Amino acid sequence: MQRLLEQAPDLDAVFVNSDLMAIGAINTLQNNGKRVPEDVAVIGFDDLSIAAYNNLPLTTIRQNIPLAGRLLAQTLVQYIQTGVVTNVTIPVELVVRKSA
């Protein structure tokens, strides 16, 4: 996040691939005088329980992990049996809190 801020000091939003990294990004932004979400919106991914209880509750993407596991297993079995790989899209949900 620090390097990104140096390269793009006027950025106004970041989407981070995990909630833990998003919380780290918020800390770095705040340490650099940026206000979240007023100056920079931050969105994480996972909807870990810590996301809701962080000092600044994190806006995040929630995925259905049991469904993802089932679809992964089905796709793997299909590939082993047929050699064919299919694309699968797993629905997600935006959980709006205070960081974006």
C-alpha atoms as a PDB file:
ATOM      1  CA  MET A   1       0.000   0.000   0.000  1.00  0.00           C
ATOM      2  CA  GLN A   2       2.845   2.369   0.800  1.00  0.00           C
ATOM      3  CA  ARG A   3       4.373   1.898  -2.653  1.00  0.00           C
ATOM      4  CA  LEU A   4       0.976   2.333  -4.305  1.00  0.00           C
ATOM      5  CA  LEU A   5       0.455   5.598  -2.422  1.00  0.00           C
ATOM      6  CA  GLU A   6       3.852   6.825  -3.582  1.00  0.00           C
ATOM      7  CA  GLN A   7       3.053   5.937  -7.203  1.00  0.00           C
ATOM      8  CA  ALA A   8      -0.545   7.195  -7.159  1.00  0.00           C
ATOM      9  CA  PRO A   9      -0.936   9.746  -4.354  1.00  0.00           C
ATOM     10  CA  ASP A  10      -4.362  10.834  -5.632  1.00  0.00           C
ATOM     11  CA  LEU A  11      -5.944   7.370  -5.645  1.00  0.00           C
ATOM     12  CA  ASP A  12      -9.446   7.381  -4.240  1.00  0.00           C
ATOM     13  CA  ALA A  13     -10.268   3.670  -3.925  1.00  0.00           C
ATOM     14  CA  VAL A  14      -8.593   0.281  -3.507  1.00  0.00           C
ATOM     15  CA  PHE A  15      -9.975  -3.236  -3.772  1.00  0.00           C
ATOM     16  CA  VAL A  16      -7.798  -5.644  -1.810  1.00  0.00           C
ATOM     17  CA  ASN A  17      -7.845  -9.427  -2.283  1.00  0.00           C
ATOM     18  CA  SER A  18      -8.293 -10.244   1.411  1.00  0.00           C
ATOM     19  CA  ASP A  19      -9.792  -8.620   4.480  1.00  0.00           C
ATOM     20  CA  LEU A  20      -6.549  -8.857   6.442  1.00  0.00           C
ATOM     21  CA  MET A  21      -4.661  -7.057   3.685  1.00  0.00           C
ATOM     22  CA  ALA A  22      -7.447  -4.467   3.468  1.00  0.00           C
ATOM     23  CA  ILE A  23      -7.135  -3.755   7.200  1.00  0.00           C
ATOM     24  CA  GLY A  24      -3.387  -3.315   6.692  1.00  0.00           C
ATOM     25  CA  ALA A  25      -4.106  -0.969   3.782  1.00  0.00           C
ATOM     26  CA  ILE A  26      -6.411   1.114   5.995  1.00  0.00           C
ATOM     27  CA  ASN A  27      -3.677   1.394   8.637  1.00  0.00           C
ATOM     28  CA  THR A  28      -1.124   2.489   6.023  1.00  0.00           C
ATOM     29  CA  LEU A  29      -3.534   5.015   4.528  1.00  0.00           C
ATOM     30  CA  GLN A  30      -4.320   6.490   7.944  1.00  0.00           C
ATOM     31  CA  ASN A  31      -0.611   6.618   8.839  1.00  0.00           C
ATOM     32  CA  ASN A  32      -0.133   8.681   5.674  1.00  0.00           C
ATOM     33  CA  GLY A  33      -2.834  11.173   6.617  1.00  0.00           C
ATOM     34  CA  LYS A  34      -5.566   9.727   4.391  1.00  0.00           C
ATOM     35  CA  ARG A  35      -9.105   9.460   5.723  1.00  0.00           C
ATOM     36  CA  VAL A  36     -11.022   6.269   4.987  1.00  0.00           C
ATOM     37  CA  PRO A  37     -13.511   6.408   3.303  1.00  0.00           C
ATOM     38  CA  GLU A  38     -13.552  10.191   2.791  1.00  0.00           C
ATOM     39  CA  ASP A  39     -10.239  10.282   0.879  1.00  0.00           C
ATOM     40  CA  VAL A  40      -9.821   6.631  -0.092  1.00  0.00           C
ATOM     41  CA  ALA A  41     -12.497   3.919  -0.119  1.00  0.00           C
ATOM     42  CA  VAL A  42     -11.265   0.430   0.814  1.00  0.00           C
ATOM     43  CA  ILE A  43     -12.987  -2.862  -0.009  1.00  0.00           C
ATOM     44  CA  GLY A  44     -11.720  -6.266   1.113  1.00  0.00           C
ATOM     45  CA  PHE A  45     -12.601  -9.822   0.174  1.00  0.00           C
ATOM     46  CA  ASP A  46     -13.638 -12.749   2.429  1.00  0.00           C
ATOM     47  CA  ASP A  47     -15.921 -11.184   5.060  1.00  0.00           C
ATOM     48  CA  LEU A  48     -13.857 -12.537   7.923  1.00  0.00           C
ATOM     49  CA  SER A  49     -15.401 -11.853  11.337  1.00  0.00           C
ATOM     50  CA  ILE A  50     -12.649  -9.312  12.067  1.00  0.00           C
ATOM     51  CA  ALA A  51     -13.959  -7.204   9.162  1.00  0.00           C
ATOM     52  CA  ALA A  52     -17.121  -6.299  11.068  1.00  0.00           C
ATOM     53  CA  TYR A  53     -15.327  -5.546  14.330  1.00  0.00           C
ATOM     54  CA  ASN A  54     -12.291  -3.636  13.088  1.00  0.00           C
ATOM     55  CA  ASN A  55     -11.940  -0.045  14.379  1.00  0.00           C
ATOM     56  CA  LEU A  56     -13.381   0.986  11.016  1.00  0.00           C
ATOM     57  CA  PRO A  57     -15.786  -1.783   9.954  1.00  0.00           C
ATOM     58  CA  LEU A  58     -14.628  -3.021   6.559  1.00  0.00           C
ATOM     59  CA  THR A  59     -16.754  -3.076   3.427  1.00  0.00           C
ATOM     60  CA  THR A  60     -16.028  -6.450   1.871  1.00  0.00           C
ATOM     61  CA  ILE A  61     -17.081  -9.144  -0.568  1.00  0.00           C
ATOM     62  CA  ARG A  62     -18.638 -12.274   0.947  1.00  0.00           C
ATOM     63  CA  GLN A  63     -18.318 -15.541  -0.930  1.00  0.00           C
ATOM     64  CA  ASN A  64     -20.155 -18.802  -0.279  1.00  0.00           C
ATOM     65  CA  ILE A  65     -17.220 -21.010   0.728  1.00  0.00           C
ATOM     66  CA  PRO A  66     -19.185 -24.290   1.084  1.00  0.00           C
ATOM     67  CA  LEU A  67     -20.611 -23.763  -2.413  1.00  0.00           C
ATOM     68  CA  ALA A  68     -17.163 -22.921  -3.779  1.00  0.00           C
ATOM     69  CA  GLY A  69     -15.770 -26.120  -2.264  1.00  0.00           C
ATOM     70  CA  ARG A  70     -18.534 -28.253  -3.764  1.00  0.00           C
ATOM     71  CA  LEU A  71     -18.141 -26.694  -7.198  1.00  0.00           C
ATOM     72  CA  LEU A  72     -14.371 -27.106  -7.055  1.00  0.00           C
ATOM     73  CA  ALA A  73     -14.725 -30.795  -6.211  1.00  0.00           C
ATOM     74  CA  GLN A  74     -17.310 -31.324  -8.975  1.00  0.00           C
ATOM     75  CA  THR A  75     -15.137 -29.535 -11.529  1.00  0.00           C
ATOM     76  CA  LEU A  76     -12.093 -31.576 -10.525  1.00  0.00           C
ATOM     77  CA  VAL A  77     -14.000 -34.868 -10.813  1.00  0.00           C
ATOM     78  CA  GLN A  78     -15.365 -33.781 -14.205  1.00  0.00           C
ATOM     79  CA  TYR A  79     -11.841 -32.934 -15.379  1.00  0.00           C
ATOM     80  CA  ILE A  80     -10.447 -36.270 -14.194  1.00  0.00           C
ATOM     81  CA  GLN A  81     -13.262 -38.165 -15.918  1.00  0.00           C
ATOM     82  CA  THR A  82     -13.491 -36.215 -19.176  1.00  0.00           C
ATOM     83  CA  GLY A  83     -10.430 -34.004 -19.503  1.00  0.00           C
ATOM     84  CA  VAL A  84     -12.792 -31.063 -19.989  1.00  0.00           C
ATOM     85  CA  VAL A  85     -12.512 -27.950 -17.856  1.00  0.00           C
ATOM     86  CA  THR A  86     -15.536 -25.701 -17.478  1.00  0.00           C
ATOM     87  CA  ASN A  87     -15.650 -22.169 -16.138  1.00  0.00           C
ATOM     88  CA  VAL A  88     -17.727 -21.726 -13.015  1.00  0.00           C
ATOM     89  CA  THR A  89     -18.906 -18.414 -11.611  1.00  0.00           C
ATOM     90  CA  ILE A  90     -19.640 -18.309  -7.905  1.00  0.00           C
ATOM     91  CA  PRO A  91     -22.072 -15.601  -6.777  1.00  0.00           C
ATOM     92  CA  VAL A  92     -20.776 -13.136  -4.199  1.00  0.00           C
ATOM     93  CA  GLU A  93     -22.360 -10.469  -2.021  1.00  0.00           C
ATOM     94  CA  LEU A  94     -21.155  -6.940  -1.312  1.00  0.00           C
ATOM     95  CA  VAL A  95     -21.284  -6.307   2.449  1.00  0.00           C
ATOM     96  CA  VAL A  96     -21.386  -2.536   2.895  1.00  0.00           C
ATOM     97  CA  ARG A  97     -19.910  -1.228   6.118  1.00  0.00           C
ATOM     98  CA  LYS A  98     -17.932   1.951   6.865  1.00  0.00           C
ATOM     99  CA  SER A  99     -14.744   1.756   4.743  1.00  0.00           C
ATOM    100  CA  ALA A 100     -16.323   2.510   1.357  1.00  0.00           C
END
